C-alpha atoms as a PDB file:
ATOM      1  CA  MET A   1       0.033  -0.047   0.021  1.00  0.00           C
ATOM      2  CA  THR A   2       1.373   3.454  -1.003  1.00  0.00           C
ATOM      3  CA  ILE A   3       0.443   6.185   1.498  1.00  0.00           C
ATOM      4  CA  SER A   4      -0.292   9.424  -0.164  1.00  0.00           C
ATOM      5  CA  ASP A   5       1.203  12.746   0.946  1.00  0.00           C
ATOM      6  CA  PRO A   6      -1.265  14.833   3.099  1.00  0.00           C
ATOM      7  CA  GLY A   7      -3.506  17.127   1.262  1.00  0.00           C
ATOM      8  CA  PRO A   8      -5.152  20.225   2.615  1.00  0.00           C
ATOM      9  CA  VAL A   9      -7.401  19.849   5.713  1.00  0.00           C
ATOM     10  CA  LEU A  10     -10.930  19.644   4.401  1.00  0.00           C
ATOM     11  CA  ILE A  11     -12.965  18.933   7.524  1.00  0.00           C
ATOM     12  CA  GLU A  12     -11.738  19.758  11.065  1.00  0.00           C
ATOM     13  CA  GLY A  13     -13.389  19.013  14.323  1.00  0.00           C
ATOM     14  CA  LEU A  14     -12.135  21.158  17.186  1.00  0.00           C
ATOM     15  CA  GLY A  15     -12.667  20.184  20.836  1.00  0.00           C
ATOM     16  CA  LEU A  16     -15.893  18.284  20.204  1.00  0.00           C
ATOM     17  CA  CYS A  17     -18.010  17.240  23.146  1.00  0.00           C
ATOM     18  CA  TYR A  18     -21.411  15.412  23.083  1.00  0.00           C
ATOM     19  CA  GLY A  19     -23.357  13.979  25.960  1.00  0.00           C
ATOM     20  CA  ALA A  20     -26.534  11.861  26.020  1.00  0.00           C
ATOM     21  CA  GLY A  21     -28.169   9.764  28.760  1.00  0.00           C
ATOM     22  CA  GLY A  22     -26.261  11.370  31.458  1.00  0.00           C
ATOM     23  CA  ARG A  23     -22.838  10.422  30.062  1.00  0.00           C
ATOM     24  CA  MET A  24     -20.348  11.918  27.672  1.00  0.00           C
ATOM     25  CA  LEU A  25     -20.244   9.931  24.345  1.00  0.00           C
ATOM     26  CA  VAL A  26     -17.451  12.176  22.799  1.00  0.00           C
ATOM     27  CA  GLU A  27     -15.201  14.217  24.904  1.00  0.00           C
ATOM     28  CA  ASN A  28     -12.787  16.991  23.719  1.00  0.00           C
ATOM     29  CA  ALA A  29     -12.199  15.205  20.406  1.00  0.00           C
ATOM     30  CA  SER A  30     -10.210  17.113  17.726  1.00  0.00           C
ATOM     31  CA  LEU A  31      -9.695  15.539  14.342  1.00  0.00           C
ATOM     32  CA  PRO A  32      -8.666  16.886  10.849  1.00  0.00           C
ATOM     33  CA  LEU A  33      -9.690  15.118   7.722  1.00  0.00           C
ATOM     34  CA  GLU A  34      -7.343  15.664   4.838  1.00  0.00           C
ATOM     35  CA  ALA A  35      -8.249  15.687   1.153  1.00  0.00           C
ATOM     36  CA  GLY A  36      -6.971  12.685  -0.789  1.00  0.00           C
ATOM     37  CA  ARG A  37      -6.460  10.531   2.396  1.00  0.00           C
ATOM     38  CA  VAL A  38      -8.315   7.715   4.157  1.00  0.00           C
ATOM     39  CA  THR A  39      -8.781   8.116   7.837  1.00  0.00           C
ATOM     40  CA  VAL A  40      -9.928   4.999   9.722  1.00  0.00           C
ATOM     41  CA  LEU A  41     -11.500   5.219  13.120  1.00  0.00           C
ATOM     42  CA  VAL A  42     -11.275   2.236  15.414  1.00  0.00           C
ATOM     43  CA  GLY A  43     -11.950   1.373  18.978  1.00  0.00           C
ATOM     44  CA  PRO A  44     -14.148  -0.900  21.194  1.00  0.00           C
ATOM     45  CA  ASN A  45     -17.855  -0.933  21.192  1.00  0.00           C
ATOM     46  CA  GLY A  46     -19.203   2.253  22.821  1.00  0.00           C
ATOM     47  CA  ALA A  47     -15.964   4.165  22.249  1.00  0.00           C
ATOM     48  CA  GLY A  48     -17.840   7.006  20.442  1.00  0.00           C
ATOM     49  CA  LYS A  49     -16.829   6.324  16.929  1.00  0.00           C
ATOM     50  CA  SER A  50     -20.220   6.646  15.269  1.00  0.00           C
ATOM     51  CA  THR A  51     -20.988   9.626  17.406  1.00  0.00           C
ATOM     52  CA  LEU A  52     -17.889  11.331  16.236  1.00  0.00           C
ATOM     53  CA  LEU A  53     -18.676  10.615  12.719  1.00  0.00           C
ATOM     54  CA  LYS A  54     -22.219  11.996  13.073  1.00  0.00           C
ATOM     55  CA  LEU A  55     -20.675  15.227  14.619  1.00  0.00           C
ATOM     56  CA  LEU A  56     -18.333  15.602  11.633  1.00  0.00           C
ATOM     57  CA  THR A  57     -21.145  15.142   9.144  1.00  0.00           C
ATOM     58  CA  GLY A  58     -23.492  17.554  10.847  1.00  0.00           C
ATOM     59  CA  GLU A  59     -26.031  14.917  11.571  1.00  0.00           C
ATOM     60  CA  ILE A  60     -25.812  15.946  15.317  1.00  0.00           C
ATOM     61  CA  SER A  61     -24.597  19.198  16.902  1.00  0.00           C
ATOM     62  CA  PRO A  62     -21.876  19.210  19.481  1.00  0.00           C
ATOM     63  CA  GLY A  63     -22.685  20.376  23.012  1.00  0.00           C
ATOM     64  CA  ARG A  64     -19.166  22.106  22.830  1.00  0.00           C
ATOM     65  CA  GLY A  65     -16.669  22.526  20.020  1.00  0.00           C
ATOM     66  CA  LEU A  66     -16.805  23.422  16.371  1.00  0.00           C
ATOM     67  CA  VAL A  67     -16.688  21.550  12.965  1.00  0.00           C
ATOM     68  CA  ARG A  68     -15.454  23.387  10.026  1.00  0.00           C
ATOM     69  CA  PHE A  69     -15.648  22.397   6.286  1.00  0.00           C
ATOM     70  CA  ALA A  70     -12.994  24.092   4.173  1.00  0.00           C
ATOM     71  CA  GLY A  71     -12.714  26.716   6.832  1.00  0.00           C
ATOM     72  CA  GLU A  72     -16.416  27.451   7.075  1.00  0.00           C
ATOM     73  CA  PRO A  73     -18.479  26.470  10.129  1.00  0.00           C
ATOM     74  CA  LEU A  74     -20.467  23.420   9.236  1.00  0.00           C
ATOM     75  CA  ALA A  75     -23.585  24.797  10.955  1.00  0.00           C
ATOM     76  CA  ALA A  76     -23.475  27.797   8.554  1.00  0.00           C
ATOM     77  CA  ILE A  77     -23.628  25.607   5.427  1.00  0.00           C
ATOM     78  CA  ALA A  78     -27.141  25.294   3.820  1.00  0.00           C
ATOM     79  CA  PRO A  79     -28.337  21.705   3.731  1.00  0.00           C
ATOM     80  CA  TRP A  80     -28.363  21.549  -0.107  1.00  0.00           C
ATOM     81  CA  ARG A  81     -24.739  22.744  -0.320  1.00  0.00           C
ATOM     82  CA  LEU A  82     -23.651  20.208   2.328  1.00  0.00           C
ATOM     83  CA  ALA A  83     -25.408  17.410   0.415  1.00  0.00           C
ATOM     84  CA  ALA A  84     -23.198  18.172  -2.565  1.00  0.00           C
ATOM     85  CA  ARG A  85     -20.065  18.343  -0.524  1.00  0.00           C
ATOM     86  CA  ARG A  86     -20.317  15.207   1.565  1.00  0.00           C
ATOM     87  CA  ALA A  87     -21.892  11.774   1.374  1.00  0.00           C
ATOM     88  CA  VAL A  88     -22.714   9.460   4.332  1.00  0.00           C
ATOM     89  CA  MET A  89     -23.158   5.679   4.419  1.00  0.00           C
ATOM     90  CA  ALA A  90     -24.773   5.111   7.807  1.00  0.00           C
ATOM     91  CA  GLN A  91     -24.370   1.969   9.915  1.00  0.00           C
ATOM     92  CA  GLN A  92     -27.987   1.092   9.376  1.00  0.00           C
ATOM     93  CA  THR A  93     -30.468   2.421   6.892  1.00  0.00           C
ATOM     94  CA  ARG A  94     -34.111   1.541   7.015  1.00  0.00           C
ATOM     95  CA  LEU A  95     -36.439   2.060   4.002  1.00  0.00           C
ATOM     96  CA  ALA A  96     -40.209   1.627   4.474  1.00  0.00           C
ATOM     97  CA  PHE A  97     -41.108   2.152   0.835  1.00  0.00           C
ATOM     98  CA  PRO A  98     -40.899  -0.623  -1.876  1.00  0.00           C
ATOM     99  CA  PHE A  99     -37.983   0.879  -3.799  1.00  0.00           C
ATOM    100  CA  SER A 100     -35.974  -1.021  -6.365  1.00  0.00           C
ATOM    101  CA  VAL A 101     -32.219  -1.217  -6.057  1.00  0.00           C
ATOM    102  CA  TYR A 102     -31.934   1.261  -8.911  1.00  0.00           C
ATOM    103  CA  GLU A 103     -34.293   3.683  -7.179  1.00  0.00           C
ATOM    104  CA  VAL A 104     -32.377   3.551  -3.906  1.00  0.00           C
ATOM    105  CA  ALA A 105     -29.089   4.380  -5.609  1.00  0.00           C
ATOM    106  CA  ARG A 106     -30.796   7.151  -7.572  1.00  0.00           C
ATOM    107  CA  LEU A 107     -31.639   8.917  -4.292  1.00  0.00           C
ATOM    108  CA  GLY A 108     -28.072   9.957  -4.251  1.00  0.00           C
ATOM    109  CA  VAL A 109     -28.572  11.977  -7.400  1.00  0.00           C
ATOM    110  CA  ASP A 110     -32.104  13.290  -6.971  1.00  0.00           C
ATOM    111  CA  GLY A 111     -32.093  16.841  -5.643  1.00  0.00           C
ATOM    112  CA  ILE A 112     -28.369  17.147  -6.129  1.00  0.00           C
ATOM    113  CA  GLY A 113     -27.913  16.536  -9.781  1.00  0.00           C
ATOM    114  CA  ARG A 114     -30.771  18.586 -10.969  1.00  0.00           C
ATOM    115  CA  GLY A 115     -28.364  20.592 -13.181  1.00  0.00           C
ATOM    116  CA  LEU A 116     -27.573  17.424 -15.029  1.00  0.00           C
ATOM    117  CA  ASP A 117     -29.640  16.168 -17.942  1.00  0.00           C
ATOM    118  CA  ARG A 118     -31.511  12.804 -17.555  1.00  0.00           C
ATOM    119  CA  PRO A 119     -28.970  10.683 -19.620  1.00  0.00           C
ATOM    120  CA  ARG A 120     -26.126  11.998 -17.467  1.00  0.00           C
ATOM    121  CA  ARG A 121     -28.098  11.170 -14.241  1.00  0.00           C
ATOM    122  CA  GLU A 122     -28.823   7.730 -15.437  1.00  0.00           C
ATOM    123  CA  ALA A 123     -25.299   7.134 -16.442  1.00  0.00           C
ATOM    124  CA  ILE A 124     -24.068   8.105 -12.879  1.00  0.00           C
ATOM    125  CA  VAL A 125     -26.391   5.683 -11.316  1.00  0.00           C
ATOM    126  CA  ALA A 126     -25.462   2.889 -13.657  1.00  0.00           C
ATOM    127  CA  GLN A 127     -21.758   3.477 -13.228  1.00  0.00           C
ATOM    128  CA  CYS A 128     -21.932   3.701  -9.339  1.00  0.00           C
ATOM    129  CA  LEU A 129     -23.965   0.581  -9.213  1.00  0.00           C
ATOM    130  CA  ALA A 130     -21.386  -1.182 -11.213  1.00  0.00           C
ATOM    131  CA  ASP A 131     -18.539   0.258  -9.058  1.00  0.00           C
ATOM    132  CA  ALA A 132     -20.381  -1.134  -5.990  1.00  0.00           C
ATOM    133  CA  GLY A 133     -20.758  -4.515  -7.666  1.00  0.00           C
ATOM    134  CA  VAL A 134     -24.573  -4.483  -7.707  1.00  0.00           C
ATOM    135  CA  LEU A 135     -25.519  -3.423 -11.177  1.00  0.00           C
ATOM    136  CA  SER A 136     -27.018  -6.822 -11.828  1.00  0.00           C
ATOM    137  CA  LEU A 137     -29.374  -6.230  -8.909  1.00  0.00           C
ATOM    138  CA  ALA A 138     -30.707  -2.916 -10.322  1.00  0.00           C
ATOM    139  CA  PRO A 139     -34.325  -4.185 -10.979  1.00  0.00           C
ATOM    140  CA  ARG A 140     -34.570  -6.074  -7.701  1.00  0.00           C
ATOM    141  CA  SER A 141     -36.717  -4.847  -4.788  1.00  0.00           C
ATOM    142  CA  TYR A 142     -34.330  -3.486  -2.157  1.00  0.00           C
ATOM    143  CA  GLN A 143     -36.343  -5.208   0.616  1.00  0.00           C
ATOM    144  CA  THR A 144     -35.566  -8.601  -0.816  1.00  0.00           C
ATOM    145  CA  LEU A 145     -31.765  -8.194  -0.568  1.00  0.00           C
ATOM    146  CA  SER A 146     -29.471  -9.667   2.022  1.00  0.00           C
ATOM    147  CA  GLY A 147     -27.783  -7.406   4.511  1.00  0.00           C
ATOM    148  CA  GLY A 148     -24.525  -7.373   2.579  1.00  0.00           C
ATOM    149  CA  GLU A 149     -26.320  -6.662  -0.649  1.00  0.00           C
ATOM    150  CA  LYS A 150     -28.043  -3.787   1.058  1.00  0.00           C
ATOM    151  CA  GLN A 151     -24.793  -2.435   2.209  1.00  0.00           C
ATOM    152  CA  ARG A 152     -23.359  -2.437  -1.282  1.00  0.00           C
ATOM    153  CA  VAL A 153     -26.405  -0.640  -2.628  1.00  0.00           C
ATOM    154  CA  GLN A 154     -26.088   2.046   0.087  1.00  0.00           C
ATOM    155  CA  PHE A 155     -22.430   2.402  -0.976  1.00  0.00           C
ATOM    156  CA  ALA A 156     -23.590   2.962  -4.527  1.00  0.00           C
ATOM    157  CA  ARG A 157     -26.044   5.575  -3.312  1.00  0.00           C
ATOM    158  CA  ALA A 158     -23.175   7.525  -1.567  1.00  0.00           C
ATOM    159  CA  LEU A 159     -20.999   7.248  -4.752  1.00  0.00           C
ATOM    160  CA  CYS A 160     -23.936   8.671  -6.691  1.00  0.00           C
ATOM    161  CA  GLN A 161     -24.227  11.526  -4.328  1.00  0.00           C
ATOM    162  CA  LEU A 162     -20.448  12.419  -4.621  1.00  0.00           C
ATOM    163  CA  THR A 163     -20.518  12.135  -8.408  1.00  0.00           C
ATOM    164  CA  ALA A 164     -23.596  14.247  -8.724  1.00  0.00           C
ATOM    165  CA  GLY A 165     -22.370  16.773  -6.228  1.00  0.00           C
ATOM    166  CA  ARG A 166     -19.044  17.199  -8.073  1.00  0.00           C
ATOM    167  CA  SER A 167     -20.901  19.264 -10.604  1.00  0.00           C
ATOM    168  CA  SER A 168     -21.219  22.036  -8.090  1.00  0.00           C
ATOM    169  CA  ALA A 169     -18.609  21.195  -5.293  1.00  0.00           C
ATOM    170  CA  ALA A 170     -14.925  20.632  -5.792  1.00  0.00           C
ATOM    171  CA  ALA A 171     -13.984  19.764  -2.279  1.00  0.00           C
ATOM    172  CA  GLN A 172     -15.828  16.639  -0.968  1.00  0.00           C
ATOM    173  CA  ALA A 173     -15.844  14.110   1.818  1.00  0.00           C
ATOM    174  CA  LEU A 174     -17.096  10.527   2.113  1.00  0.00           C
ATOM    175  CA  PHE A 175     -18.111   9.060   5.487  1.00  0.00           C
ATOM    176  CA  LEU A 176     -18.511   5.300   5.928  1.00  0.00           C
ATOM    177  CA  ASP A 177     -19.861   3.859   9.258  1.00  0.00           C
ATOM    178  CA  GLU A 178     -18.958   0.181   9.473  1.00  0.00           C
ATOM    179  CA  PRO A 179     -19.440  -0.283   5.759  1.00  0.00           C
ATOM    180  CA  VAL A 180     -18.276  -3.995   5.625  1.00  0.00           C
ATOM    181  CA  SER A 181     -19.929  -5.385   8.714  1.00  0.00           C
ATOM    182  CA  SER A 182     -22.279  -7.585   6.688  1.00  0.00           C
ATOM    183  CA  LEU A 183     -19.983  -8.337   3.692  1.00  0.00           C
ATOM    184  CA  ASP A 184     -17.939 -11.442   2.873  1.00  0.00           C
ATOM    185  CA  LEU A 185     -14.230 -11.091   2.393  1.00  0.00           C
ATOM    186  CA  CYS A 186     -14.343 -10.529  -1.340  1.00  0.00           C
ATOM    187  CA  HIS A 187     -16.838  -7.636  -1.079  1.00  0.00           C
ATOM    188  CA  GLN A 188     -15.101  -6.159   1.946  1.00  0.00           C
ATOM    189  CA  ILE A 189     -11.947  -5.815  -0.076  1.00  0.00           C
ATOM    190  CA  ALA A 190     -13.820  -4.591  -3.196  1.00  0.00           C
ATOM    191  CA  LEU A 191     -15.651  -1.844  -1.194  1.00  0.00           C
ATOM    192  CA  LEU A 192     -12.579  -0.647   0.642  1.00  0.00           C
ATOM    193  CA  ASP A 193     -10.444  -0.694  -2.575  1.00  0.00           C
ATOM    194  CA  MET A 194     -13.145   1.572  -4.180  1.00  0.00           C
ATOM    195  CA  ALA A 195     -13.070   3.940  -1.077  1.00  0.00           C
ATOM    196  CA  ARG A 196      -9.254   4.310  -1.658  1.00  0.00           C
ATOM    197  CA  GLU A 197      -9.914   5.089  -5.353  1.00  0.00           C
ATOM    198  CA  VAL A 198     -12.385   7.768  -4.211  1.00  0.00           C
ATOM    199  CA  ALA A 199      -9.725   9.219  -1.917  1.00  0.00           C
ATOM    200  CA  ALA A 200      -7.202   9.154  -4.720  1.00  0.00           C
ATOM    201  CA  GLY A 201      -9.532  11.557  -6.564  1.00  0.00           C
ATOM    202  CA  GLY A 202      -8.981  14.159  -3.938  1.00  0.00           C
ATOM    203  CA  VAL A 203     -11.953  13.287  -1.609  1.00  0.00           C
ATOM    204  CA  ALA A 204     -11.460  13.033   2.279  1.00  0.00           C
ATOM    205  CA  VAL A 205     -12.591   9.692   3.354  1.00  0.00           C
ATOM    206  CA  LEU A 206     -13.457   8.656   6.914  1.00  0.00           C
ATOM    207  CA  ILE A 207     -14.246   5.046   7.708  1.00  0.00           C
ATOM    208  CA  VAL A 208     -15.301   3.403  10.977  1.00  0.00           C
ATOM    209  CA  LEU A 209     -14.024  -0.273  11.139  1.00  0.00           C
ATOM    210  CA  HIS A 210     -13.774  -2.930  13.713  1.00  0.00           C
ATOM    211  CA  ASP A 211     -11.325  -5.173  11.906  1.00  0.00           C
ATOM    212  CA  LEU A 212      -7.908  -3.983  12.834  1.00  0.00           C
ATOM    213  CA  ASN A 213      -6.223  -5.888  10.002  1.00  0.00           C
ATOM    214  CA  LEU A 214      -8.510  -4.144   7.393  1.00  0.00           C
ATOM    215  CA  ALA A 215      -7.994  -0.806   9.227  1.00  0.00           C
ATOM    216  CA  VAL A 216      -4.173  -0.914   9.026  1.00  0.00           C
ATOM    217  CA  THR A 217      -4.251  -2.156   5.446  1.00  0.00           C
ATOM    218  CA  TYR A 218      -6.391   0.783   4.173  1.00  0.00           C
ATOM    219  CA  ALA A 219      -5.704   3.546   6.572  1.00  0.00           C
ATOM    220  CA  ASP A 220      -3.399   6.529   5.661  1.00  0.00           C
ATOM    221  CA  THR A 221      -4.260   7.733   9.194  1.00  0.00           C
ATOM    222  CA  LEU A 222      -5.426   5.475  12.001  1.00  0.00           C
ATOM    223  CA  VAL A 223      -7.401   7.058  14.869  1.00  0.00           C
ATOM    224  CA  VAL A 224      -8.011   5.062  18.059  1.00  0.00           C
ATOM    225  CA  MET A 225     -10.904   5.980  20.302  1.00  0.00           C
ATOM    226  CA  ASP A 226     -11.860   4.789  23.762  1.00  0.00           C
ATOM    227  CA  ARG A 227     -14.564   5.991  26.148  1.00  0.00           C
ATOM    228  CA  GLY A 228     -15.248   9.051  24.040  1.00  0.00           C
ATOM    229  CA  ARG A 229     -11.697  10.265  23.676  1.00  0.00           C
ATOM    230  CA  ILE A 230      -9.137  10.062  20.846  1.00  0.00           C
ATOM    231  CA  MET A 231      -6.352   8.032  22.282  1.00  0.00           C
ATOM    232  CA  ALA A 232      -3.996   7.922  19.329  1.00  0.00           C
ATOM    233  CA  ARG A 233      -3.718   9.241  15.783  1.00  0.00           C
ATOM    234  CA  GLY A 234      -1.207   8.677  13.133  1.00  0.00           C
ATOM    235  CA  ARG A 235       0.263   6.084  10.689  1.00  0.00           C
ATOM    236  CA  PRO A 236      -0.919   2.585  11.607  1.00  0.00           C
ATOM    237  CA  GLU A 237       2.603   1.323  12.213  1.00  0.00           C
ATOM    238  CA  ALA A 238       3.246   4.248  14.557  1.00  0.00           C
ATOM    239  CA  VAL A 239       0.092   3.941  16.430  1.00  0.00           C
ATOM    240  CA  LEU A 240      -0.611   0.397  17.148  1.00  0.00           C
ATOM    241  CA  ASP A 241       1.377  -1.557  19.769  1.00  0.00           C
ATOM    242  CA  ASP A 242       0.850  -4.242  22.404  1.00  0.00           C
ATOM    243  CA  THR A 243       0.271  -1.642  25.130  1.00  0.00           C
ATOM    244  CA  LEU A 244      -2.387   0.033  23.196  1.00  0.00           C
ATOM    245  CA  LEU A 245      -4.188  -3.245  22.383  1.00  0.00           C
ATOM    246  CA  ARG A 246      -4.160  -4.122  26.071  1.00  0.00           C
ATOM    247  CA  ASP A 247      -5.176  -0.666  27.366  1.00  0.00           C
ATOM    248  CA  VAL A 248      -7.941   0.140  24.790  1.00  0.00           C
ATOM    249  CA  PHE A 249      -9.098  -3.083  23.436  1.00  0.00           C
ATOM    250  CA  ARG A 250      -8.619  -5.132  26.620  1.00  0.00           C
ATOM    251  CA  VAL A 251      -7.018  -8.065  24.908  1.00  0.00           C
ATOM    252  CA  ASP A 252      -3.737  -9.641  25.718  1.00  0.00           C
ATOM    253  CA  LEU A 253      -2.459 -10.114  22.216  1.00  0.00           C
ATOM    254  CA  ALA A 254       0.930  -9.513  20.422  1.00  0.00           C
ATOM    255  CA  LEU A 255       1.241  -7.618  17.125  1.00  0.00           C
ATOM    256  CA  GLY A 256       3.104  -9.052  14.229  1.00  0.00           C
ATOM    257  CA  LEU A 257       4.816  -7.159  11.399  1.00  0.00           C
ATOM    258  CA  SER A 258       4.307  -7.955   7.723  1.00  0.00           C
ATOM    259  CA  PRO A 259       7.703  -8.561   6.047  1.00  0.00           C
ATOM    260  CA  ARG A 260       6.416  -6.729   3.010  1.00  0.00           C
ATOM    261  CA  ALA A 261       5.883  -3.281   4.362  1.00  0.00           C
ATOM    262  CA  GLY A 262       6.195  -3.517   8.078  1.00  0.00           C
ATOM    263  CA  ILE A 263       2.423  -3.087   8.445  1.00  0.00           C
ATOM    264  CA  PRO A 264       1.171  -4.487  11.846  1.00  0.00           C
ATOM    265  CA  PHE A 265      -1.199  -7.415  11.868  1.00  0.00           C
ATOM    266  CA  LEU A 266      -3.116  -9.286  14.504  1.00  0.00           C
ATOM    267  CA  LEU A 267      -4.162 -12.914  14.789  1.00  0.00           C
ATOM    268  CA  PRO A 268      -6.258 -14.252  17.606  1.00  0.00           C
ATOM    269  CA  GLN A 269      -3.727 -17.100  18.004  1.00  0.00           C
ATOM    270  CA  GLN A 270      -1.007 -14.516  18.910  1.00  0.00           C
ATOM    271  CA  ARG A 271      -1.777 -14.540  22.607  1.00  0.00           C
ATOM    272  CA  MET A 272       1.059 -13.090  24.668  1.00  0.00           C
ATOM    273  CA  SER A 273       2.669 -15.438  27.075  1.00  0.00           C
ATOM    274  CA  VAL A 274       1.533 -14.745  30.711  1.00  0.00           C
END
């Protein structure tokens, strides 16, 4: 894996705090997202990863702190402008209407690509369905799909939104919250490869993952969260060590190093001797 040079900071969260249910879900979190790079957010369950993603996308507002998009306060950006500048694939998406796969993907274009003629909009949907590996499912009812197929369709919808938004917004971001949780290995790799291609086009990409091996393989920047706080941020090989695994993930495992590139990897069999 070749790690790209940092681009300009596109989105920046500064001192973000968010509480609910009497406890802090995110506390004093500051995170820059750079154009052209993949940032992967990892941590145990309940660490605050999805909440931080929602703060950075503007889905929820911080109790304290500020999010800026290209230097502009996120809260000051009109919803239609924001929709052209960032796409989000949520952890779970529920649809109550009997949409086809094609219609779900087209939601990413509707309202954003109105300046595009119909043939161009249709071409965007077809290409993004193909990029997500679900073009053959286009006529199928979305409700009849497996969980993994639905995830790939939602990824296609996010790609459609970015592509359509590019007609009016040059600086863009893509947010993926646990996008491979229901996918088999082949489709996990295909989706994450596509996310890297999107980043190579100058998009700032933030991905929440649980699989540390996938995280270190695809991250330009690895961010580790625990109990609402950012515990570490940097290149995967500089961030991950046995102490962090024990303190954050509460496992007594030893990291190995890939001979090819010195990338850390972790196997459940690699229990540290007691």
